[in-house]
C-alpha atoms as a PDB file:
ATOM      1  CA  MET A   1     148.039 217.059 202.451  1.00  0.00           C
ATOM      2  CA  PRO A   2     147.681 220.371 200.588  1.00  0.00           C
ATOM      3  CA  VAL A   3     148.064 223.581 202.588  1.00  0.00           C
ATOM      4  CA  TYR A   4     144.357 224.441 202.206  1.00  0.00           C
ATOM      5  CA  ASN A   5     143.287 221.117 203.783  1.00  0.00           C
ATOM      6  CA  CYS A   6     145.762 221.596 206.634  1.00  0.00           C
ATOM      7  CA  LEU A   7     144.415 225.060 207.359  1.00  0.00           C
ATOM      8  CA  ASN A   8     140.824 223.790 207.298  1.00  0.00           C
ATOM      9  CA  PHE A   9     141.745 220.983 209.697  1.00  0.00           C
ATOM     10  CA  ILE A  10     143.438 223.378 212.135  1.00  0.00           C
ATOM     11  CA  GLN A  11     140.512 225.798 211.895  1.00  0.00           C
ATOM     12  CA  SER A  12     138.009 223.007 212.644  1.00  0.00           C
ATOM     13  CA  LEU A  13     139.965 222.092 215.771  1.00  0.00           C
ATOM     14  CA  MET A  14     140.171 225.653 217.031  1.00  0.00           C
ATOM     15  CA  LEU A  15     136.809 226.992 215.863  1.00  0.00           C
ATOM     16  CA  PRO A  16     134.003 224.433 216.038  1.00  0.00           C
ATOM     17  CA  GLU A  17     131.246 224.545 213.430  1.00  0.00           C
ATOM     18  CA  ARG A  18     128.344 226.720 214.591  1.00  0.00           C
ATOM     19  CA  CYS A  19     124.684 226.474 213.682  1.00  0.00           C
ATOM     20  CA  PRO A  20     123.921 229.278 211.192  1.00  0.00           C
ATOM     21  CA  CYS A  21     120.476 229.761 212.783  1.00  0.00           C
ATOM     22  CA  CYS A  22     121.253 229.994 216.503  1.00  0.00           C
ATOM     23  CA  GLY A  23     125.064 230.022 216.769  1.00  0.00           C
ATOM     24  CA  ILE A  24     125.383 226.953 219.017  1.00  0.00           C
ATOM     25  CA  ALA A  25     128.518 224.826 218.421  1.00  0.00           C
ATOM     26  CA  THR A  26     127.441 221.744 216.458  1.00  0.00           C
ATOM     27  CA  GLY A  27     130.637 219.755 215.915  1.00  0.00           C
ATOM     28  CA  SER A  28     132.708 219.319 212.804  1.00  0.00           C
ATOM     29  CA  GLN A  29     130.332 217.236 210.646  1.00  0.00           C
ATOM     30  CA  GLN A  30     127.000 218.937 211.339  1.00  0.00           C
ATOM     31  CA  PHE A  31     125.997 222.397 210.109  1.00  0.00           C
ATOM     32  CA  PHE A  32     122.704 222.868 211.989  1.00  0.00           C
ATOM     33  CA  CYS A  33     121.994 222.003 215.614  1.00  0.00           C
ATOM     34  CA  ASN A  34     119.329 219.318 216.078  1.00  0.00           C
ATOM     35  CA  GLY A  35     116.766 221.832 217.336  1.00  0.00           C
ATOM     36  CA  CYS A  36     117.111 224.196 214.375  1.00  0.00           C
ATOM     37  CA  TYR A  37     117.305 221.357 211.839  1.00  0.00           C
ATOM     38  CA  SER A  38     114.029 219.937 213.118  1.00  0.00           C
ATOM     39  CA  THR A  39     112.285 223.295 212.580  1.00  0.00           C
ATOM     40  CA  LEU A  40     113.543 223.949 209.021  1.00  0.00           C
ATOM     41  CA  PRO A  41     110.617 224.352 206.606  1.00  0.00           C
ATOM     42  CA  PHE A  42     111.355 221.437 204.272  1.00  0.00           C
ATOM     43  CA  ASN A  43     109.219 221.457 201.132  1.00  0.00           C
ATOM     44  CA  THR A  44     108.104 217.840 201.407  1.00  0.00           C
ATOM     45  CA  HIS A  45     104.624 218.120 199.880  1.00  0.00           C
ATOM     46  CA  ALA A  46     104.779 220.154 196.690  1.00  0.00           C
ATOM     47  CA  CYS A  47     103.622 220.364 193.091  1.00  0.00           C
ATOM     48  CA  PRO A  48     105.956 218.120 191.055  1.00  0.00           C
ATOM     49  CA  GLN A  49     105.825 220.625 188.198  1.00  0.00           C
ATOM     50  CA  CYS A  50     106.696 223.957 189.869  1.00  0.00           C
ATOM     51  CA  ALA A  51     107.544 222.940 193.484  1.00  0.00           C
ATOM     52  CA  LEU A  52     104.856 225.231 194.954  1.00  0.00           C
ATOM     53  CA  PRO A  53     103.841 223.870 198.393  1.00  0.00           C
ATOM     54  CA  LEU A  54     100.518 222.029 198.376  1.00  0.00           C
ATOM     55  CA  PRO A  55      97.904 221.691 201.127  1.00  0.00           C
ATOM     56  CA  PRO A  56      98.491 218.639 203.366  1.00  0.00           C
ATOM     57  CA  GLN A  57      95.295 216.955 202.143  1.00  0.00           C
ATOM     58  CA  ALA A  58      96.380 217.025 198.461  1.00  0.00           C
ATOM     59  CA  PRO A  59      97.311 213.561 197.164  1.00  0.00           C
ATOM     60  CA  PRO A  60     100.976 212.983 196.256  1.00  0.00           C
ATOM     61  CA  GLN A  61     102.019 214.022 192.728  1.00  0.00           C
ATOM     62  CA  THR A  62      99.077 216.447 192.474  1.00  0.00           C
ATOM     63  CA  LEU A  63      99.671 219.420 190.199  1.00  0.00           C
ATOM     64  CA  CYS A  64      98.833 222.839 191.618  1.00  0.00           C
ATOM     65  CA  GLY A  65      96.024 224.871 190.036  1.00  0.00           C
ATOM     66  CA  ARG A  66      98.450 227.214 188.300  1.00  0.00           C
ATOM     67  CA  CYS A  67     100.267 224.344 186.557  1.00  0.00           C
ATOM     68  CA  ILE A  68      96.963 222.769 185.509  1.00  0.00           C
ATOM     69  CA  GLN A  69      95.628 226.012 184.028  1.00  0.00           C
ATOM     70  CA  HIS A  70      98.922 227.304 182.594  1.00  0.00           C
ATOM     71  CA  PRO A  71     101.461 224.474 182.257  1.00  0.00           C
ATOM     72  CA  PRO A  72     105.021 225.813 182.458  1.00  0.00           C
ATOM     73  CA  VAL A  73     107.497 225.142 179.667  1.00  0.00           C
ATOM     74  CA  PHE A  74     109.739 223.057 181.956  1.00  0.00           C
ATOM     75  CA  HIS A  75     109.159 219.445 183.033  1.00  0.00           C
ATOM     76  CA  GLY A  76     109.569 219.779 186.773  1.00  0.00           C
ATOM     77  CA  GLY A  77     110.879 221.828 189.650  1.00  0.00           C
ATOM     78  CA  PHE A  78     112.481 221.256 193.025  1.00  0.00           C
ATOM     79  CA  THR A  79     113.094 223.330 196.102  1.00  0.00           C
ATOM     80  CA  ALA A  80     114.491 221.935 199.325  1.00  0.00           C
ATOM     81  CA  LEU A  81     112.878 224.484 201.631  1.00  0.00           C
ATOM     82  CA  ARG A  82     109.792 226.652 201.698  1.00  0.00           C
ATOM     83  CA  TYR A  83     110.645 230.357 201.758  1.00  0.00           C
ATOM     84  CA  GLU A  84     109.606 231.130 205.338  1.00  0.00           C
ATOM     85  CA  ALA A  85     111.000 233.437 208.012  1.00  0.00           C
ATOM     86  CA  SER A  86     113.533 230.954 209.421  1.00  0.00           C
ATOM     87  CA  ILE A  87     115.184 230.338 206.057  1.00  0.00           C
ATOM     88  CA  ASN A  88     114.499 233.808 204.620  1.00  0.00           C
ATOM     89  CA  HIS A  89     117.052 235.287 207.031  1.00  0.00           C
ATOM     90  CA  LEU A  90     119.762 232.835 205.927  1.00  0.00           C
ATOM     91  CA  ILE A  91     119.141 233.346 202.212  1.00  0.00           C
ATOM     92  CA  SER A  92     119.020 237.140 202.577  1.00  0.00           C
ATOM     93  CA  SER A  93     122.257 237.102 204.584  1.00  0.00           C
ATOM     94  CA  LEU A  94     123.949 235.075 201.866  1.00  0.00           C
ATOM     95  CA  LYS A  95     122.635 237.130 198.955  1.00  0.00           C
ATOM     96  CA  PHE A  96     122.797 240.665 200.303  1.00  0.00           C
ATOM     97  CA  ASN A  97     125.311 240.599 203.171  1.00  0.00           C
ATOM     98  CA  LYS A  98     127.891 238.333 201.487  1.00  0.00           C
ATOM     99  CA  GLN A  99     127.766 235.777 204.297  1.00  0.00           C
ATOM    100  CA  LEU A 100     129.577 233.187 202.174  1.00  0.00           C
ATOM    101  CA  HIS A 101     129.938 230.754 205.091  1.00  0.00           C
ATOM    102  CA  LEU A 102     126.225 229.961 204.513  1.00  0.00           C
ATOM    103  CA  VAL A 103     126.824 228.514 201.030  1.00  0.00           C
ATOM    104  CA  GLU A 104     127.943 225.108 202.269  1.00  0.00           C
ATOM    105  CA  PRO A 105     125.137 224.491 204.814  1.00  0.00           C
ATOM    106  CA  LEU A 106     122.442 225.590 202.343  1.00  0.00           C
ATOM    107  CA  ALA A 107     123.977 223.562 199.510  1.00  0.00           C
ATOM    108  CA  ASN A 108     124.158 220.497 201.756  1.00  0.00           C
ATOM    109  CA  LEU A 109     120.466 220.889 202.614  1.00  0.00           C
ATOM    110  CA  MET A 110     119.645 220.852 198.891  1.00  0.00           C
ATOM    111  CA  ILE A 111     121.893 217.849 198.249  1.00  0.00           C
ATOM    112  CA  ASP A 112     120.369 215.985 201.191  1.00  0.00           C
ATOM    113  CA  ARG A 113     116.806 216.649 199.999  1.00  0.00           C
ATOM    114  CA  LEU A 114     117.647 215.695 196.398  1.00  0.00           C
ATOM    115  CA  GLY A 115     119.049 212.408 197.680  1.00  0.00           C
ATOM    116  CA  LYS A 116     115.729 211.648 199.398  1.00  0.00           C
ATOM    117  CA  LEU A 117     113.674 212.134 196.223  1.00  0.00           C
END
């Protein structure tokens, strides 16, 4: 086992993974606690062209008004989460405060959502 993997293993035993939203210990395989995960603003109903959130009553695969009037030059867009207060704090901390420990949980959220498409 390479040294890096050994150090990660020892660190996971001594310092349990903590939820980046509330700080509660979550265990070694889970980044977010169940409570915070259930409140994340997943972008589940969105324009397939630009990923802008749509109203709940809009039929699936509906283009937003902006994409109908001014079609973008790209074929489609994706975003895992809507940019709301709960996620805004995490993204701002990563971008502006160099909180690099947030890269993996946010990347895993995107991977998880892409897998569900």
